[in-house]
């Protein structure tokens, strides 16, 4: 599978992934509501933890804006369960160990750290409207202030 080049206005790629609590989550489960779909590299690492806590702190505001939140990483369902419990996260986390969805959304990318190249998740957030179309994409997300910016965009839809 090749990396996707997605843009606002396009239909969000369909997915079906195992989520925490043993549920399978699909894009169709969110029909009729907006969805913040955020991709992050790894459970319980500093940036990913802060991003999850920031979205969680605004969860009620997102709900008032008719917007669900779901985080996706290649971590296992078990890892997600521990991460969610440790930080009392009130939204769903889905596991893409096969990386099919990560590739469909174009977020599985070559990264570089200390001169070493490797494949990993590029921190990216998609705001999907109530009809399943991509409303906005944030690439190479910087965590501070990000959840608030996504909330403002969700409210404006």
N, C-alpha and C. Protein backbone atom coordinates (compact mmCIF):
# COMPACT_ATOMS: atom_id res chain seq x y z
N UNK A 1 0.84 -1.18 0.00
CA UNK A 1 0.00 0.00 0.00
C UNK A 1 0.88 1.24 0.00
N UNK A 2 0.50 2.23 -0.76
CA UNK A 2 1.31 3.44 -0.84
C UNK A 2 0.74 4.53 0.05
N UNK A 3 1.57 5.47 0.38
CA UNK A 3 1.13 6.59 1.20
C UNK A 3 0.10 7.41 0.44
N UNK A 4 -0.89 7.85 1.16
CA UNK A 4 -1.96 8.65 0.58
C UNK A 4 -1.58 10.12 0.62
N UNK A 5 -2.10 10.86 -0.33
CA UNK A 5 -2.01 12.31 -0.27
C UNK A 5 -3.44 12.79 -0.12
N UNK A 6 -3.79 13.14 1.09
CA UNK A 6 -5.15 13.55 1.39
C UNK A 6 -5.20 15.06 1.56
N UNK A 7 -6.37 15.62 1.28
CA UNK A 7 -6.55 17.05 1.48
C UNK A 7 -7.98 17.32 1.91
N UNK A 8 -8.19 18.52 2.42
CA UNK A 8 -9.53 18.92 2.87
C UNK A 8 -10.51 18.79 1.71
N UNK A 9 -11.71 18.32 2.03
CA UNK A 9 -12.75 18.14 1.02
C UNK A 9 -12.84 16.71 0.50
N UNK A 10 -11.78 15.93 0.68
CA UNK A 10 -11.79 14.54 0.24
C UNK A 10 -12.51 13.67 1.27
N UNK A 11 -13.06 12.55 0.81
CA UNK A 11 -13.65 11.59 1.73
C UNK A 11 -12.54 10.99 2.58
N UNK A 12 -12.80 10.88 3.87
CA UNK A 12 -11.82 10.25 4.77
C UNK A 12 -11.77 8.76 4.44
N UNK A 13 -10.56 8.18 4.37
CA UNK A 13 -10.46 6.74 4.10
C UNK A 13 -11.19 5.92 5.18
N UNK A 14 -11.95 4.95 4.73
CA UNK A 14 -12.66 4.07 5.68
C UNK A 14 -11.65 3.26 6.47
N UNK A 15 -12.02 2.90 7.68
CA UNK A 15 -11.15 2.07 8.51
C UNK A 15 -12.00 1.22 9.44
N UNK A 16 -11.39 0.16 9.91
CA UNK A 16 -11.97 -0.68 10.95
C UNK A 16 -10.80 -1.20 11.76
N UNK A 17 -10.73 -0.77 13.03
CA UNK A 17 -9.58 -1.09 13.87
C UNK A 17 -10.04 -1.60 15.23
N UNK A 18 -9.22 -2.47 15.85
CA UNK A 18 -9.54 -2.86 17.22
C UNK A 18 -9.28 -1.67 18.14
N UNK A 19 -10.24 -1.43 19.02
CA UNK A 19 -10.10 -0.34 19.97
C UNK A 19 -9.97 -0.89 21.37
N UNK A 20 -9.78 0.03 22.29
CA UNK A 20 -9.70 -0.40 23.67
C UNK A 20 -11.05 -0.96 24.11
N UNK A 21 -11.04 -1.81 25.11
CA UNK A 21 -12.28 -2.40 25.58
C UNK A 21 -12.82 -3.49 24.68
N UNK A 22 -12.02 -3.93 23.70
CA UNK A 22 -12.42 -5.04 22.84
C UNK A 22 -13.37 -4.68 21.72
N UNK A 23 -13.66 -3.40 21.55
CA UNK A 23 -14.56 -2.98 20.47
C UNK A 23 -13.78 -2.73 19.19
N UNK A 24 -14.43 -3.02 18.07
CA UNK A 24 -13.86 -2.63 16.79
C UNK A 24 -14.51 -1.30 16.42
N UNK A 25 -13.68 -0.36 16.02
CA UNK A 25 -14.19 0.96 15.64
C UNK A 25 -13.97 1.19 14.17
N UNK A 26 -15.01 1.72 13.52
CA UNK A 26 -14.96 2.00 12.09
C UNK A 26 -15.36 3.45 11.86
N UNK A 27 -14.93 4.00 10.74
CA UNK A 27 -15.30 5.37 10.41
C UNK A 27 -16.82 5.50 10.41
N UNK A 28 -17.51 4.49 9.91
CA UNK A 28 -18.98 4.54 9.83
C UNK A 28 -19.64 4.68 11.20
N UNK A 29 -18.95 4.29 12.28
CA UNK A 29 -19.51 4.43 13.64
C UNK A 29 -19.72 5.90 14.00
N UNK A 30 -19.02 6.79 13.31
CA UNK A 30 -19.07 8.21 13.65
C UNK A 30 -19.94 9.00 12.67
N UNK A 31 -20.69 8.31 11.81
CA UNK A 31 -21.55 8.99 10.83
C UNK A 31 -22.51 9.92 11.56
N UNK A 32 -22.66 11.13 11.02
CA UNK A 32 -23.57 12.09 11.60
C UNK A 32 -22.96 12.96 12.68
N UNK A 33 -21.70 12.69 13.04
CA UNK A 33 -21.01 13.57 13.99
C UNK A 33 -19.62 13.86 13.46
N UNK A 34 -19.02 14.89 14.01
CA UNK A 34 -17.65 15.23 13.62
C UNK A 34 -16.70 14.33 14.41
N UNK A 35 -15.51 14.14 13.85
CA UNK A 35 -14.51 13.27 14.48
C UNK A 35 -13.14 13.90 14.40
N UNK A 36 -12.49 13.99 15.56
CA UNK A 36 -11.07 14.33 15.61
C UNK A 36 -10.34 12.99 15.60
N UNK A 37 -9.59 12.77 14.56
CA UNK A 37 -8.82 11.54 14.42
C UNK A 37 -7.36 11.96 14.50
N UNK A 38 -6.74 11.64 15.63
CA UNK A 38 -5.36 12.08 15.77
C UNK A 38 -4.43 10.88 15.86
N UNK A 39 -3.36 10.98 15.11
CA UNK A 39 -2.35 9.92 15.01
C UNK A 39 -1.15 10.34 15.83
N UNK A 40 -0.67 9.42 16.65
CA UNK A 40 0.46 9.73 17.52
C UNK A 40 1.43 8.55 17.52
N UNK A 41 2.72 8.80 17.78
CA UNK A 41 3.73 7.74 17.66
C UNK A 41 3.65 6.62 18.69
N UNK A 42 3.51 6.93 19.99
CA UNK A 42 3.67 5.86 20.99
C UNK A 42 3.01 6.21 22.31
N UNK A 43 2.30 5.21 22.85
CA UNK A 43 1.68 5.38 24.17
C UNK A 43 2.73 5.72 25.22
N UNK A 44 2.34 6.57 26.16
CA UNK A 44 3.10 6.84 27.38
C UNK A 44 4.50 7.43 27.13
N UNK A 45 4.64 8.17 26.05
CA UNK A 45 5.86 8.96 25.84
C UNK A 45 5.47 10.42 26.10
N UNK A 46 6.42 11.27 26.34
CA UNK A 46 6.11 12.61 26.84
C UNK A 46 5.16 13.41 25.93
N UNK A 47 5.50 13.55 24.67
CA UNK A 47 4.66 14.33 23.76
C UNK A 47 3.29 13.71 23.54
N UNK A 48 3.26 12.39 23.41
CA UNK A 48 2.00 11.69 23.17
C UNK A 48 1.10 11.75 24.40
N UNK A 49 1.70 11.66 25.57
CA UNK A 49 0.93 11.75 26.81
C UNK A 49 0.35 13.15 26.95
N UNK A 50 1.15 14.18 26.69
CA UNK A 50 0.64 15.54 26.81
C UNK A 50 -0.49 15.79 25.81
N UNK A 51 -0.33 15.31 24.59
CA UNK A 51 -1.38 15.49 23.57
C UNK A 51 -2.68 14.82 24.03
N UNK A 52 -2.58 13.60 24.53
CA UNK A 52 -3.77 12.88 24.99
C UNK A 52 -4.42 13.62 26.16
N UNK A 53 -3.62 14.10 27.10
CA UNK A 53 -4.15 14.82 28.25
C UNK A 53 -4.82 16.12 27.82
N UNK A 54 -4.25 16.79 26.83
CA UNK A 54 -4.83 18.05 26.33
C UNK A 54 -6.19 17.79 25.68
N UNK A 55 -6.28 16.76 24.83
CA UNK A 55 -7.57 16.43 24.21
C UNK A 55 -8.57 16.01 25.29
N UNK A 56 -8.11 15.23 26.27
CA UNK A 56 -8.99 14.76 27.33
C UNK A 56 -9.55 15.91 28.16
N UNK A 57 -8.71 16.91 28.43
CA UNK A 57 -9.14 18.06 29.23
C UNK A 57 -10.25 18.84 28.52
N UNK A 58 -10.29 18.77 27.20
CA UNK A 58 -11.30 19.51 26.42
C UNK A 58 -12.42 18.60 25.93
N UNK A 59 -12.45 17.37 26.43
CA UNK A 59 -13.42 16.38 25.94
C UNK A 59 -14.87 16.89 26.00
N UNK A 60 -15.26 17.49 27.12
CA UNK A 60 -16.64 17.98 27.24
C UNK A 60 -16.93 19.07 26.22
N UNK A 61 -15.94 19.93 25.96
CA UNK A 61 -16.12 20.98 24.96
C UNK A 61 -16.27 20.40 23.56
N UNK A 62 -15.50 19.34 23.27
CA UNK A 62 -15.64 18.68 21.97
C UNK A 62 -17.02 18.05 21.86
N UNK A 63 -17.49 17.41 22.93
CA UNK A 63 -18.83 16.79 22.91
C UNK A 63 -19.91 17.84 22.66
N UNK A 64 -19.79 19.00 23.31
CA UNK A 64 -20.75 20.09 23.09
C UNK A 64 -20.72 20.56 21.64
N UNK A 65 -19.57 20.41 20.99
CA UNK A 65 -19.42 20.81 19.58
C UNK A 65 -19.80 19.65 18.65
N UNK A 66 -20.36 18.57 19.20
CA UNK A 66 -20.79 17.42 18.38
C UNK A 66 -19.63 16.66 17.76
N UNK A 67 -18.52 16.60 18.50
CA UNK A 67 -17.29 16.04 17.95
C UNK A 67 -16.72 14.94 18.85
N UNK A 68 -16.53 13.76 18.28
CA UNK A 68 -15.89 12.66 18.97
C UNK A 68 -14.37 12.77 18.79
N UNK A 69 -13.63 12.11 19.67
CA UNK A 69 -12.17 12.10 19.59
C UNK A 69 -11.72 10.65 19.56
N UNK A 70 -10.77 10.35 18.69
CA UNK A 70 -10.16 9.02 18.68
C UNK A 70 -8.68 9.14 18.34
N UNK A 71 -7.85 8.54 19.20
CA UNK A 71 -6.41 8.51 18.96
C UNK A 71 -6.03 7.19 18.33
N UNK A 72 -5.06 7.22 17.42
CA UNK A 72 -4.61 6.01 16.73
C UNK A 72 -3.09 5.96 16.75
N UNK A 73 -2.55 4.80 17.11
CA UNK A 73 -1.12 4.56 17.01
C UNK A 73 -0.91 3.08 16.69
N UNK A 74 0.33 2.71 16.37
CA UNK A 74 0.59 1.29 16.09
C UNK A 74 0.76 0.44 17.35
N UNK A 75 0.58 1.03 18.54
CA UNK A 75 0.68 0.27 19.78
C UNK A 75 -0.45 -0.76 19.85
N UNK A 76 -0.25 -1.78 20.67
CA UNK A 76 -1.25 -2.84 20.83
C UNK A 76 -2.47 -2.35 21.62
N UNK A 77 -3.56 -3.09 21.51
CA UNK A 77 -4.76 -2.78 22.28
C UNK A 77 -4.44 -2.81 23.78
N UNK A 78 -3.63 -3.78 24.21
CA UNK A 78 -3.25 -3.89 25.62
C UNK A 78 -2.49 -2.64 26.07
N UNK A 79 -1.57 -2.16 25.25
CA UNK A 79 -0.82 -0.95 25.57
C UNK A 79 -1.77 0.24 25.69
N UNK A 80 -2.71 0.34 24.75
CA UNK A 80 -3.69 1.43 24.80
C UNK A 80 -4.50 1.37 26.10
N UNK A 81 -4.89 0.17 26.48
CA UNK A 81 -5.67 0.01 27.71
C UNK A 81 -4.94 0.54 28.92
N UNK A 82 -3.66 0.21 29.04
CA UNK A 82 -2.84 0.69 30.17
C UNK A 82 -2.69 2.20 30.12
N UNK A 83 -2.42 2.73 28.93
CA UNK A 83 -2.22 4.17 28.74
C UNK A 83 -3.50 4.92 29.11
N UNK A 84 -4.62 4.42 28.64
CA UNK A 84 -5.91 5.06 28.90
C UNK A 84 -6.22 5.05 30.40
N UNK A 85 -5.97 3.93 31.04
CA UNK A 85 -6.26 3.82 32.48
C UNK A 85 -5.33 4.72 33.30
N UNK A 86 -4.04 4.73 32.95
CA UNK A 86 -3.06 5.51 33.70
C UNK A 86 -3.41 6.99 33.73
N UNK A 87 -3.92 7.52 32.60
CA UNK A 87 -4.21 8.94 32.51
C UNK A 87 -5.72 9.24 32.50
N UNK A 88 -6.53 8.23 32.80
CA UNK A 88 -7.98 8.38 32.89
C UNK A 88 -8.54 9.07 31.63
N UNK A 89 -8.13 8.57 30.47
CA UNK A 89 -8.57 9.16 29.20
C UNK A 89 -10.02 8.75 28.93
N UNK A 90 -10.83 9.71 28.56
CA UNK A 90 -12.25 9.46 28.35
C UNK A 90 -12.65 9.37 26.90
N UNK A 91 -11.70 9.10 26.02
CA UNK A 91 -12.02 8.90 24.60
C UNK A 91 -11.33 7.64 24.13
N UNK A 92 -11.68 7.22 22.94
CA UNK A 92 -11.19 5.93 22.45
C UNK A 92 -9.81 6.01 21.82
N UNK A 93 -9.09 4.91 21.98
CA UNK A 93 -7.81 4.72 21.32
C UNK A 93 -7.95 3.47 20.45
N UNK A 94 -7.44 3.55 19.24
CA UNK A 94 -7.51 2.40 18.33
C UNK A 94 -6.09 1.98 17.96
N UNK A 95 -5.94 0.68 17.72
CA UNK A 95 -4.64 0.09 17.45
C UNK A 95 -4.52 -0.27 15.97
N UNK A 96 -3.45 0.21 15.34
CA UNK A 96 -3.19 -0.14 13.94
C UNK A 96 -1.82 -0.80 13.83
N UNK A 97 -1.73 -2.00 14.41
CA UNK A 97 -0.45 -2.72 14.38
C UNK A 97 -0.04 -3.10 12.96
N UNK A 98 -1.02 -3.29 12.05
CA UNK A 98 -0.70 -3.64 10.65
C UNK A 98 -0.21 -2.42 9.87
N UNK A 99 -0.51 -1.24 10.38
CA UNK A 99 -0.14 0.04 9.77
C UNK A 99 -0.90 0.35 8.49
N UNK A 100 -1.94 -0.42 8.17
CA UNK A 100 -2.72 -0.16 6.95
C UNK A 100 -3.41 1.19 7.00
N UNK A 101 -4.04 1.50 8.13
CA UNK A 101 -4.71 2.79 8.23
C UNK A 101 -3.70 3.93 8.27
N UNK A 102 -2.60 3.72 8.98
CA UNK A 102 -1.56 4.75 9.03
C UNK A 102 -1.08 5.10 7.62
N UNK A 103 -0.94 4.08 6.78
CA UNK A 103 -0.52 4.33 5.39
C UNK A 103 -1.64 4.97 4.58
N UNK A 104 -2.89 4.52 4.80
CA UNK A 104 -4.01 5.10 4.07
C UNK A 104 -4.17 6.59 4.35
N UNK A 105 -3.83 6.99 5.56
CA UNK A 105 -3.93 8.41 5.93
C UNK A 105 -2.61 9.15 5.70
N UNK A 106 -1.58 8.44 5.22
CA UNK A 106 -0.32 9.09 4.86
C UNK A 106 0.52 9.53 6.03
N UNK A 107 0.32 8.91 7.21
CA UNK A 107 1.06 9.35 8.39
C UNK A 107 2.20 8.41 8.78
N UNK A 108 2.35 7.28 8.09
CA UNK A 108 3.47 6.36 8.32
C UNK A 108 4.58 6.85 7.42
N UNK A 109 5.60 7.44 8.00
CA UNK A 109 6.60 8.16 7.21
C UNK A 109 8.01 7.93 7.71
N UNK A 110 8.97 8.24 6.85
CA UNK A 110 10.36 8.15 7.25
C UNK A 110 10.66 9.32 8.18
N UNK A 111 11.28 9.00 9.30
CA UNK A 111 11.66 10.00 10.28
C UNK A 111 13.16 9.90 10.50
N UNK A 112 13.69 10.87 11.19
CA UNK A 112 15.12 10.87 11.46
C UNK A 112 15.37 11.39 12.88
N UNK A 113 16.21 10.66 13.61
CA UNK A 113 16.59 11.10 14.94
C UNK A 113 18.07 10.78 15.13
N UNK A 114 18.82 11.78 15.52
CA UNK A 114 20.26 11.62 15.73
C UNK A 114 20.95 11.01 14.51
N UNK A 115 20.49 11.43 13.34
CA UNK A 115 21.09 10.96 12.09
C UNK A 115 20.64 9.59 11.62
N UNK A 116 19.82 8.91 12.43
CA UNK A 116 19.33 7.58 12.06
C UNK A 116 17.94 7.71 11.45
N UNK A 117 17.75 7.08 10.31
CA UNK A 117 16.45 7.12 9.65
C UNK A 117 15.65 5.88 10.02
N UNK A 118 14.36 6.06 10.22
CA UNK A 118 13.48 4.95 10.57
C UNK A 118 12.06 5.32 10.17
N UNK A 119 11.17 4.32 10.14
CA UNK A 119 9.77 4.56 9.82
C UNK A 119 9.00 4.74 11.12
N UNK A 120 8.08 5.69 11.12
CA UNK A 120 7.28 5.94 12.31
C UNK A 120 6.07 6.80 11.98
N UNK A 121 5.28 7.06 12.99
CA UNK A 121 4.08 7.87 12.83
C UNK A 121 4.46 9.35 12.89
N UNK A 122 4.04 10.07 11.86
CA UNK A 122 4.20 11.52 11.87
C UNK A 122 2.96 12.08 12.59
N UNK A 123 3.15 12.77 13.69
CA UNK A 123 2.03 13.28 14.49
C UNK A 123 1.15 14.17 13.61
N UNK A 124 -0.07 13.71 13.38
CA UNK A 124 -0.99 14.35 12.45
C UNK A 124 -2.41 14.26 13.01
N UNK A 125 -3.20 15.30 12.79
CA UNK A 125 -4.60 15.30 13.22
C UNK A 125 -5.49 15.61 12.03
N UNK A 126 -6.57 14.84 11.92
CA UNK A 126 -7.59 15.06 10.90
C UNK A 126 -8.89 15.44 11.61
N UNK A 127 -9.55 16.48 11.12
CA UNK A 127 -10.90 16.80 11.56
C UNK A 127 -11.83 16.37 10.43
N UNK A 128 -12.69 15.42 10.75
CA UNK A 128 -13.60 14.85 9.76
C UNK A 128 -15.01 15.37 10.06
N UNK A 129 -15.69 15.87 9.03
CA UNK A 129 -17.01 16.44 9.26
C UNK A 129 -18.08 15.34 9.39
N UNK A 130 -19.30 15.75 9.64
CA UNK A 130 -20.37 14.79 9.92
C UNK A 130 -20.77 13.96 8.71
N UNK A 131 -20.28 14.33 7.51
CA UNK A 131 -20.58 13.54 6.31
C UNK A 131 -19.43 12.61 5.93
N UNK A 132 -18.35 12.60 6.75
CA UNK A 132 -17.22 11.72 6.46
C UNK A 132 -16.16 12.34 5.57
N UNK A 133 -16.25 13.64 5.34
CA UNK A 133 -15.23 14.32 4.54
C UNK A 133 -14.21 14.99 5.46
N UNK A 134 -12.98 15.06 4.97
CA UNK A 134 -11.92 15.72 5.72
C UNK A 134 -12.15 17.22 5.69
N UNK A 135 -12.29 17.82 6.86
CA UNK A 135 -12.49 19.27 6.94
C UNK A 135 -11.16 20.00 7.07
N UNK A 136 -10.23 19.39 7.82
CA UNK A 136 -8.95 20.05 8.05
C UNK A 136 -7.90 19.01 8.43
N UNK A 137 -6.65 19.29 8.09
CA UNK A 137 -5.52 18.42 8.43
C UNK A 137 -4.43 19.27 9.07
N UNK A 138 -3.91 18.77 10.18
CA UNK A 138 -2.73 19.38 10.81
C UNK A 138 -1.59 18.38 10.68
N UNK A 139 -0.54 18.75 9.95
CA UNK A 139 0.62 17.89 9.76
C UNK A 139 1.73 18.30 10.72
N UNK A 140 2.59 17.34 11.07
CA UNK A 140 3.75 17.60 11.92
C UNK A 140 3.35 18.45 13.12
N UNK A 141 2.35 17.97 13.85
CA UNK A 141 1.76 18.70 14.97
C UNK A 141 2.77 18.99 16.06
N UNK A 142 2.72 20.20 16.54
CA UNK A 142 3.41 20.60 17.77
C UNK A 142 2.34 20.60 18.85
N UNK A 143 2.56 19.91 19.94
CA UNK A 143 1.52 19.65 20.93
C UNK A 143 0.98 20.90 21.64
N UNK A 144 1.83 21.81 22.13
CA UNK A 144 1.28 22.95 22.89
C UNK A 144 0.24 23.75 22.08
N UNK A 145 -0.97 23.87 22.65
CA UNK A 145 -2.03 24.64 22.01
C UNK A 145 -2.78 23.92 20.91
N UNK A 146 -2.35 22.71 20.56
CA UNK A 146 -2.96 22.01 19.42
C UNK A 146 -4.41 21.63 19.68
N UNK A 147 -4.71 21.04 20.83
CA UNK A 147 -6.08 20.60 21.11
C UNK A 147 -7.05 21.79 21.06
N UNK A 148 -6.62 22.93 21.58
CA UNK A 148 -7.46 24.13 21.55
C UNK A 148 -7.72 24.58 20.12
N UNK A 149 -6.70 24.51 19.27
CA UNK A 149 -6.85 24.91 17.87
C UNK A 149 -7.82 23.97 17.15
N UNK A 150 -7.72 22.67 17.43
CA UNK A 150 -8.63 21.70 16.80
C UNK A 150 -10.06 21.94 17.29
N UNK A 151 -10.23 22.23 18.57
CA UNK A 151 -11.56 22.52 19.11
C UNK A 151 -12.17 23.74 18.42
N UNK A 152 -11.40 24.79 18.24
CA UNK A 152 -11.90 25.99 17.56
C UNK A 152 -12.36 25.65 16.14
N UNK A 153 -11.60 24.80 15.45
CA UNK A 153 -11.97 24.40 14.09
C UNK A 153 -13.24 23.55 14.12
N UNK A 154 -13.36 22.66 15.09
CA UNK A 154 -14.57 21.82 15.20
C UNK A 154 -15.80 22.67 15.46
N UNK A 155 -15.66 23.68 16.30
CA UNK A 155 -16.78 24.56 16.60
C UNK A 155 -17.22 25.35 15.38
N UNK A 156 -16.28 25.64 14.48
CA UNK A 156 -16.59 26.47 13.31
C UNK A 156 -17.26 25.68 12.18
N UNK A 157 -17.30 24.35 12.30
CA UNK A 157 -17.94 23.55 11.24
C UNK A 157 -19.45 23.54 11.39
